[in-house]
Amino acid sequence: MTLLDAHLVVERGTFRLDIALTVAAGETVALLGPNGAGKTTALRALAGLTPLSGGHLRLGDRELTRTPPEQRPIGVVFQDYLLFPHLSARDNVAFGPRRHGADRRAAHAVADRWLERVGLAEHARRKPRQLSGGQAQRVALARALAVDPELLLLDEPLAALDARTRLDTRAELHRHLGAHPGAALLVTHDPLDALVLADRLVIVEGGRVVQEGDAATITARPRTDYVAQLVGLNLFRGRGTGTHVEVAGGFALTTAEAVHGNAFVAFPPSAVALFTRQPDGSPRNTWPAVLRDIQRHGDNLRVRLDGPITVAADITPAAAAHLDLVPGRQLWAAVKATETRVYPDL
């Protein structure tokens, strides 16, 4: 059942956000996009902190478009947590229930239950400055959930954490989101956070939704350069005539499957093989390339290649040494047709 039904239109100077969002009860949706795409503007509009220029906001059977922030059944976890520095963890969590009319004893009872649930009962009397980053994040989450929100908003909730703390806290957050009966919207630029925490992804660029769906759909068929980079694929738009797709500059890619009309061709960096001279052998796409740069990527190296098409390729350090890779090196690149994915540009 759809719980959140929103059409968010916000005009700020030359920027215009215009997106539709729906989130079902018990569902977590991740809103992803590059810097300046409008993600945080959308979150602030849902929370009532940024007024709408148009559209609507409905939560269940209630119209909230003009409802003040403090009267919306919404909990927010901000990127910097924004805990009250002069209050203890217990009083921070109790703040929401007190604002909603609970007396001190009842609010503290709610706070104690939530601190127990997030594993911080023994830290109830500590001030924010006495908490680690992961502990502060859990207090912020408990504070947001203590008011039983119908909609939970999370703005880059793991961004301020180091790698180890982020791993543990992500697992904890996943558990709490799974138990949350309402709708949840996660704003993030981290694809791993989105893939682990969300049931569905919504990609925003330039204030518009450019793609949405489950993780499998998004990663298999990216539709913009940003999404392709997000999921680690080389992506090209062109026009197909059978098993040939002509992309920018008149360069044609051969694919294993036929497609007609506007189409995308995608392949992973691991599918790109590099040679010092033009390769022979099995049918493949080959083209001359120039090495632009080389960087470490996990246990391998990722190289960027200029040429008739610009691609990323992953190779081993041993292969890099054998090829004598340095910026400006003239090479040949190759991708087997069977390594490509081709699908219509609808």
Protein backbone atom coordinates (compact mmCIF):
# COMPACT_ATOMS: atom_id res chain seq x y z
CA MET A 1 0.00 0.00 0.00
CA THR A 2 1.37 3.42 -0.98
CA LEU A 3 1.95 5.52 2.11
CA LEU A 4 3.87 8.50 0.68
CA ASP A 5 2.52 10.09 -2.49
CA ALA A 6 4.41 13.26 -3.37
CA HIS A 7 4.95 15.53 -6.35
CA LEU A 8 7.70 17.90 -5.29
CA VAL A 9 8.18 21.13 -7.24
CA VAL A 10 10.71 23.55 -5.76
CA GLU A 11 12.12 26.57 -7.59
CA ARG A 12 15.28 28.13 -6.16
CA GLY A 13 16.90 30.71 -8.43
CA THR A 14 17.72 28.99 -11.72
CA PHE A 15 17.32 25.49 -10.23
CA ARG A 16 14.01 23.65 -10.48
CA LEU A 17 13.24 20.38 -8.72
CA ASP A 18 10.29 18.53 -10.24
CA ILE A 19 9.99 14.90 -9.15
CA ALA A 20 7.28 12.40 -8.23
CA LEU A 21 7.93 10.05 -5.31
CA THR A 22 5.94 7.16 -3.89
CA VAL A 23 6.97 4.95 -0.97
CA ALA A 24 4.93 2.05 0.38
CA ALA A 25 4.48 1.20 4.04
CA GLY A 26 7.46 -0.88 5.16
CA GLU A 27 9.49 0.12 2.08
CA THR A 28 12.84 1.95 2.01
CA VAL A 29 13.56 4.01 -1.10
CA ALA A 30 17.02 5.45 -1.82
CA LEU A 31 17.27 8.79 -3.60
CA LEU A 32 20.62 8.96 -5.41
CA GLY A 33 22.22 11.52 -7.64
CA PRO A 34 25.32 13.67 -8.16
CA ASN A 35 25.99 16.80 -6.11
CA GLY A 36 23.45 19.48 -6.94
CA ALA A 37 20.89 17.00 -8.31
CA GLY A 38 18.23 18.05 -5.79
CA LYS A 39 18.34 15.16 -3.31
CA THR A 40 18.60 17.23 -0.14
CA THR A 41 16.13 19.79 -1.50
CA ALA A 42 13.63 16.95 -1.93
CA LEU A 43 14.22 15.73 1.62
CA ARG A 44 13.83 19.22 3.07
CA ALA A 45 10.63 19.71 1.09
CA LEU A 46 9.21 16.48 2.51
CA ALA A 47 10.17 17.55 6.03
CA GLY A 48 8.54 20.95 5.51
CA LEU A 49 11.82 22.84 5.88
CA THR A 50 11.72 24.07 2.26
CA PRO A 51 8.35 25.25 0.90
CA LEU A 52 6.93 23.72 -2.26
CA SER A 53 6.48 25.93 -5.32
CA GLY A 54 3.95 23.44 -6.65
CA GLY A 55 2.83 19.83 -6.50
CA HIS A 56 1.49 18.00 -3.45
CA LEU A 57 2.48 15.88 -0.46
CA ARG A 58 0.20 13.16 0.91
CA LEU A 59 0.98 10.73 3.68
CA GLY A 60 -1.66 8.05 3.98
CA ASP A 61 -5.02 9.83 3.88
CA ARG A 62 -3.59 13.18 5.02
CA GLU A 63 -2.68 16.14 2.85
CA LEU A 64 0.51 17.71 4.27
CA THR A 65 1.44 20.20 1.56
CA ARG A 66 0.88 23.22 3.80
CA THR A 67 1.31 21.54 7.19
CA PRO A 68 4.08 23.07 9.38
CA PRO A 69 7.13 20.84 9.98
CA GLU A 70 6.39 20.29 13.66
CA GLN A 71 2.93 18.92 12.84
CA ARG A 72 4.08 16.38 10.25
CA PRO A 73 4.35 12.71 11.38
CA ILE A 74 7.90 12.64 10.03
CA GLY A 75 11.23 11.77 11.65
CA VAL A 76 14.51 13.09 10.22
CA VAL A 77 18.10 11.92 10.65
CA PHE A 78 20.32 14.71 9.37
CA GLN A 79 23.76 14.18 7.87
CA ASP A 80 25.47 15.84 10.85
CA TYR A 81 22.90 14.33 13.25
CA LEU A 82 22.24 17.77 14.85
CA LEU A 83 22.00 16.39 18.37
CA PHE A 84 21.44 19.02 21.06
CA PRO A 85 24.95 19.40 22.56
CA HIS A 86 23.69 20.43 26.03
CA LEU A 87 21.34 17.44 26.38
CA SER A 88 22.20 13.85 27.27
CA ALA A 89 21.52 11.04 24.81
CA ARG A 90 18.40 10.21 26.85
CA ASP A 91 17.08 13.76 26.73
CA ASN A 92 17.87 14.05 23.02
CA VAL A 93 15.72 11.01 22.30
CA ALA A 94 13.01 12.19 24.72
CA PHE A 95 12.81 15.59 22.99
CA GLY A 96 10.37 14.42 20.30
CA PRO A 97 7.87 12.72 22.63
CA ARG A 98 7.96 15.79 24.92
CA ARG A 99 7.17 18.03 21.92
CA HIS A 100 4.26 15.73 21.09
CA GLY A 101 2.75 16.20 24.54
CA ALA A 102 4.22 13.37 26.63
CA ASP A 103 5.15 14.22 30.21
CA ARG A 104 8.76 13.91 31.37
CA ARG A 105 8.37 10.42 32.83
CA ALA A 106 6.61 9.00 29.75
CA ALA A 107 9.10 10.64 27.36
CA HIS A 108 12.04 9.23 29.30
CA ALA A 109 10.44 5.78 29.26
CA VAL A 110 10.19 5.99 25.44
CA ALA A 111 13.79 7.20 25.23
CA ASP A 112 15.01 4.37 27.44
CA ARG A 113 13.28 1.79 25.24
CA TRP A 114 14.82 3.20 22.09
CA LEU A 115 18.30 3.52 23.55
CA GLU A 116 18.02 -0.12 24.58
CA ARG A 117 16.96 -1.07 21.04
CA VAL A 118 19.94 0.71 19.47
CA GLY A 119 22.34 -0.74 22.03
CA LEU A 120 23.11 2.48 23.91
CA ALA A 121 21.31 2.04 27.24
CA GLU A 122 24.58 2.37 29.12
CA HIS A 123 25.33 5.68 27.37
CA ALA A 124 22.01 7.35 28.23
CA ARG A 125 23.57 10.08 30.38
CA ARG A 126 26.38 10.97 28.01
CA LYS A 127 26.41 14.22 26.06
CA PRO A 128 26.96 14.12 22.27
CA ARG A 129 30.61 15.16 22.63
CA GLN A 130 31.20 12.02 24.71
CA LEU A 131 29.85 9.72 21.97
CA SER A 132 31.64 8.19 19.00
CA GLY A 133 30.39 8.90 15.47
CA GLY A 134 28.56 5.59 15.28
CA GLN A 135 26.97 6.11 18.70
CA ALA A 136 25.84 9.63 17.77
CA GLN A 137 24.28 8.25 14.57
CA ARG A 138 22.32 5.69 16.58
CA VAL A 139 21.12 8.33 19.03
CA ALA A 140 19.94 10.45 16.07
CA LEU A 141 18.11 7.43 14.64
CA ALA A 142 16.51 6.66 18.01
CA ARG A 143 15.42 10.32 18.33
CA ALA A 144 13.78 10.18 14.89
CA LEU A 145 12.01 6.88 15.58
CA ALA A 146 10.88 7.79 19.11
CA VAL A 147 7.94 9.79 17.70
CA ASP A 148 6.63 6.76 15.74
CA PRO A 149 6.95 8.57 12.38
CA GLU A 150 4.91 7.46 9.42
CA LEU A 151 7.77 8.68 7.23
CA LEU A 152 11.45 8.41 8.18
CA LEU A 153 13.89 10.64 6.27
CA LEU A 154 17.64 9.94 6.35
CA ASP A 155 20.06 12.46 4.83
CA GLU A 156 23.45 10.80 4.18
CA PRO A 157 23.22 9.11 7.61
CA LEU A 158 26.55 7.26 7.28
CA ALA A 159 28.63 9.92 5.51
CA ALA A 160 30.39 11.18 8.65
CA LEU A 161 31.61 7.74 9.74
CA ASP A 162 34.96 6.05 9.14
CA ALA A 163 35.05 2.86 7.05
CA ARG A 164 34.92 0.36 9.94
CA THR A 165 32.23 2.21 11.88
CA ARG A 166 30.27 2.67 8.66
CA LEU A 167 30.22 -1.09 8.05
CA ASP A 168 28.88 -1.90 11.52
CA THR A 169 26.42 1.00 11.59
CA ARG A 170 25.09 0.14 8.12
CA ALA A 171 24.20 -3.34 9.37
CA GLU A 172 22.46 -1.86 12.44
CA LEU A 173 20.57 0.66 10.30
CA HIS A 174 19.46 -2.11 7.95
CA ARG A 175 17.97 -3.99 10.90
CA HIS A 176 16.05 -0.96 12.16
CA LEU A 177 14.75 -0.02 8.71
CA GLY A 178 13.52 -3.59 8.26
CA ALA A 179 11.51 -3.28 11.47
CA HIS A 180 10.09 0.18 10.68
CA PRO A 181 6.39 -0.16 9.72
CA GLY A 182 6.21 3.21 7.98
CA ALA A 183 7.85 4.54 4.82
CA ALA A 184 11.54 5.45 4.71
CA LEU A 185 13.47 7.64 2.26
CA LEU A 186 17.27 7.50 2.24
CA VAL A 187 19.23 10.29 0.54
CA THR A 188 22.73 9.15 -0.35
CA HIS A 189 25.49 9.39 -2.95
CA ASP A 190 26.98 6.04 -1.91
CA PRO A 191 25.79 3.16 -4.11
CA LEU A 192 26.70 0.57 -1.48
CA ASP A 193 24.52 2.24 1.15
CA ALA A 194 21.67 2.33 -1.36
CA LEU A 195 22.08 -1.28 -2.47
CA VAL A 196 22.28 -2.61 1.09
CA LEU A 197 19.61 -0.46 2.74
CA ALA A 198 16.98 0.22 0.07
CA ASP A 199 14.28 -1.85 -1.60
CA ARG A 200 14.09 0.51 -4.56
CA LEU A 201 16.34 3.18 -6.10
CA VAL A 202 15.32 6.53 -7.56
CA ILE A 203 18.05 8.35 -9.52
CA VAL A 204 17.81 12.14 -9.75
CA GLU A 205 19.87 14.38 -12.03
CA GLY A 206 19.30 18.09 -12.61
CA GLY A 207 16.13 18.07 -10.53
CA ARG A 208 14.49 15.26 -12.54
CA VAL A 209 14.05 11.52 -12.05
CA VAL A 210 16.13 9.84 -14.77
CA GLN A 211 15.74 6.20 -13.69
CA GLU A 212 14.08 4.15 -10.97
CA GLY A 213 13.64 0.51 -10.10
CA ASP A 214 15.11 -2.26 -8.01
CA ALA A 215 18.87 -2.72 -7.75
CA ALA A 216 18.99 -5.52 -10.31
CA THR A 217 17.20 -3.42 -12.95
CA ILE A 218 19.31 -0.32 -12.34
CA THR A 219 22.65 -2.15 -12.37
CA ALA A 220 21.77 -4.24 -15.42
CA ARG A 221 20.46 -1.39 -17.58
CA PRO A 222 21.85 2.05 -16.66
CA ARG A 223 20.38 4.89 -18.69
CA THR A 224 22.74 7.81 -17.95
CA ASP A 225 26.50 8.26 -17.60
CA TYR A 226 26.08 8.97 -13.89
CA VAL A 227 24.21 5.71 -13.31
CA ALA A 228 26.75 3.79 -15.40
CA GLN A 229 29.62 5.18 -13.31
CA LEU A 230 27.63 4.44 -10.16
CA VAL A 231 27.38 0.74 -11.03
CA GLY A 232 30.82 0.54 -12.69
CA LEU A 233 29.95 0.16 -16.38
CA ASN A 234 31.06 1.77 -19.62
CA LEU A 235 27.91 3.09 -21.31
CA PHE A 236 27.30 4.34 -24.85
CA ARG A 237 24.17 5.63 -26.55
CA GLY A 238 23.73 5.05 -30.26
CA ARG A 239 21.54 3.65 -33.01
CA GLY A 240 21.30 -0.05 -33.69
CA THR A 241 20.94 -1.89 -36.99
CA GLY A 242 21.02 -5.55 -36.09
CA THR A 243 24.17 -6.45 -34.17
CA HIS A 244 25.89 -3.13 -34.88
CA VAL A 245 25.31 0.02 -32.83
CA GLU A 246 26.74 3.28 -34.16
CA VAL A 247 27.75 5.54 -31.28
CA ALA A 248 29.24 9.04 -31.09
CA GLY A 249 31.65 9.98 -33.86
CA GLY A 250 30.43 7.23 -36.18
CA PHE A 251 32.23 4.45 -34.29
CA ALA A 252 30.32 1.15 -34.41
CA LEU A 253 30.19 -1.48 -31.66
CA THR A 254 29.36 -5.08 -32.50
CA THR A 255 27.00 -6.78 -30.06
CA ALA A 256 25.95 -10.38 -29.53
CA GLU A 257 22.25 -9.51 -29.61
CA ALA A 258 20.41 -7.57 -32.29
CA VAL A 259 18.72 -4.25 -31.62
CA HIS A 260 17.05 -1.73 -33.93
CA GLY A 261 16.66 1.98 -33.32
CA ASN A 262 17.98 4.05 -30.43
CA ALA A 263 19.88 1.84 -28.02
CA PHE A 264 22.39 1.63 -25.18
CA VAL A 265 25.51 -0.55 -25.17
CA ALA A 266 27.16 -1.30 -21.82
CA PHE A 267 30.12 -3.40 -20.72
CA PRO A 268 32.22 -3.60 -17.54
CA PRO A 269 35.81 -2.32 -17.36
CA SER A 270 36.92 -5.92 -16.77
CA ALA A 271 35.72 -6.78 -20.30
CA VAL A 272 38.24 -4.41 -21.92
CA ALA A 273 41.48 -6.12 -22.97
CA LEU A 274 44.61 -4.10 -23.82
CA PHE A 275 47.31 -4.88 -26.39
CA THR A 276 50.44 -3.22 -27.70
CA ARG A 277 49.38 -3.97 -31.29
CA GLN A 278 46.13 -4.75 -33.08
CA PRO A 279 44.86 -8.17 -31.94
CA ASP A 280 43.75 -11.01 -34.19
CA GLY A 281 41.57 -14.01 -33.38
CA SER A 282 37.99 -14.27 -32.16
CA PRO A 283 35.41 -11.70 -33.32
CA ARG A 284 35.65 -8.61 -31.16
CA ASN A 285 35.49 -4.85 -31.18
CA THR A 286 38.96 -3.34 -31.54
CA TRP A 287 40.14 0.24 -31.71
CA PRO A 288 43.32 2.31 -31.15
CA ALA A 289 43.47 4.05 -27.78
CA VAL A 290 45.68 6.37 -25.77
CA LEU A 291 46.17 5.91 -22.04
CA ARG A 292 44.90 9.00 -20.19
CA ASP A 293 45.52 7.99 -16.55
CA ILE A 294 45.91 4.98 -14.28
CA GLN A 295 44.73 4.50 -10.68
CA ARG A 296 44.57 1.71 -8.14
CA HIS A 297 41.13 0.04 -7.99
CA GLY A 298 40.94 -2.64 -5.31
CA ASP A 299 43.53 -5.31 -6.09
CA ASN A 300 43.72 -4.21 -9.73
CA LEU A 301 44.38 -1.02 -11.67
CA ARG A 302 41.78 1.05 -13.51
CA VAL A 303 42.93 2.88 -16.61
CA ARG A 304 41.11 5.54 -18.62
CA LEU A 305 41.52 5.38 -22.38
CA ASP A 306 40.88 8.04 -25.01
CA GLY A 307 40.16 7.18 -28.65
CA PRO A 308 37.11 6.93 -30.88
CA ILE A 309 35.29 6.08 -27.64
CA THR A 310 36.41 6.86 -24.07
CA VAL A 311 36.41 3.82 -21.80
CA ALA A 312 37.62 2.52 -18.44
CA ALA A 313 39.51 -0.80 -18.27
CA ASP A 314 40.54 -2.93 -15.29
CA ILE A 315 43.85 -4.80 -15.48
CA THR A 316 46.22 -6.52 -13.06
CA PRO A 317 49.46 -4.86 -11.89
CA ALA A 318 51.37 -7.61 -13.71
CA ALA A 319 49.60 -6.80 -16.98
CA ALA A 320 50.30 -3.10 -16.48
CA ALA A 321 54.01 -3.82 -16.04
CA HIS A 322 54.05 -6.05 -19.14
CA LEU A 323 52.35 -3.34 -21.21
CA ASP A 324 54.64 -0.63 -19.81
CA LEU A 325 51.66 1.57 -19.05
CA VAL A 326 52.29 5.29 -18.69
CA PRO A 327 50.04 8.24 -19.60
CA GLY A 328 50.18 8.88 -23.34
CA ARG A 329 50.98 5.24 -24.20
CA GLN A 330 49.56 4.12 -27.56
CA LEU A 331 47.55 0.90 -27.21
CA TRP A 332 44.85 -1.22 -28.79
CA ALA A 333 41.65 -1.94 -26.84
CA ALA A 334 39.29 -4.83 -27.48
CA VAL A 335 35.90 -6.01 -26.19
CA LYS A 336 34.26 -9.24 -27.26
CA ALA A 337 30.72 -8.86 -28.59
CA THR A 338 29.58 -11.46 -26.06
CA GLU A 339 30.76 -9.20 -23.21
CA THR A 340 28.40 -6.36 -24.19
CA ARG A 341 24.84 -5.69 -23.07
CA VAL A 342 22.54 -3.98 -25.53
CA TYR A 343 19.04 -2.68 -24.81
CA PRO A 344 16.60 -0.14 -26.29
CA ASP A 345 16.82 3.55 -25.42
CA LEU A 346 13.13 4.03 -24.70
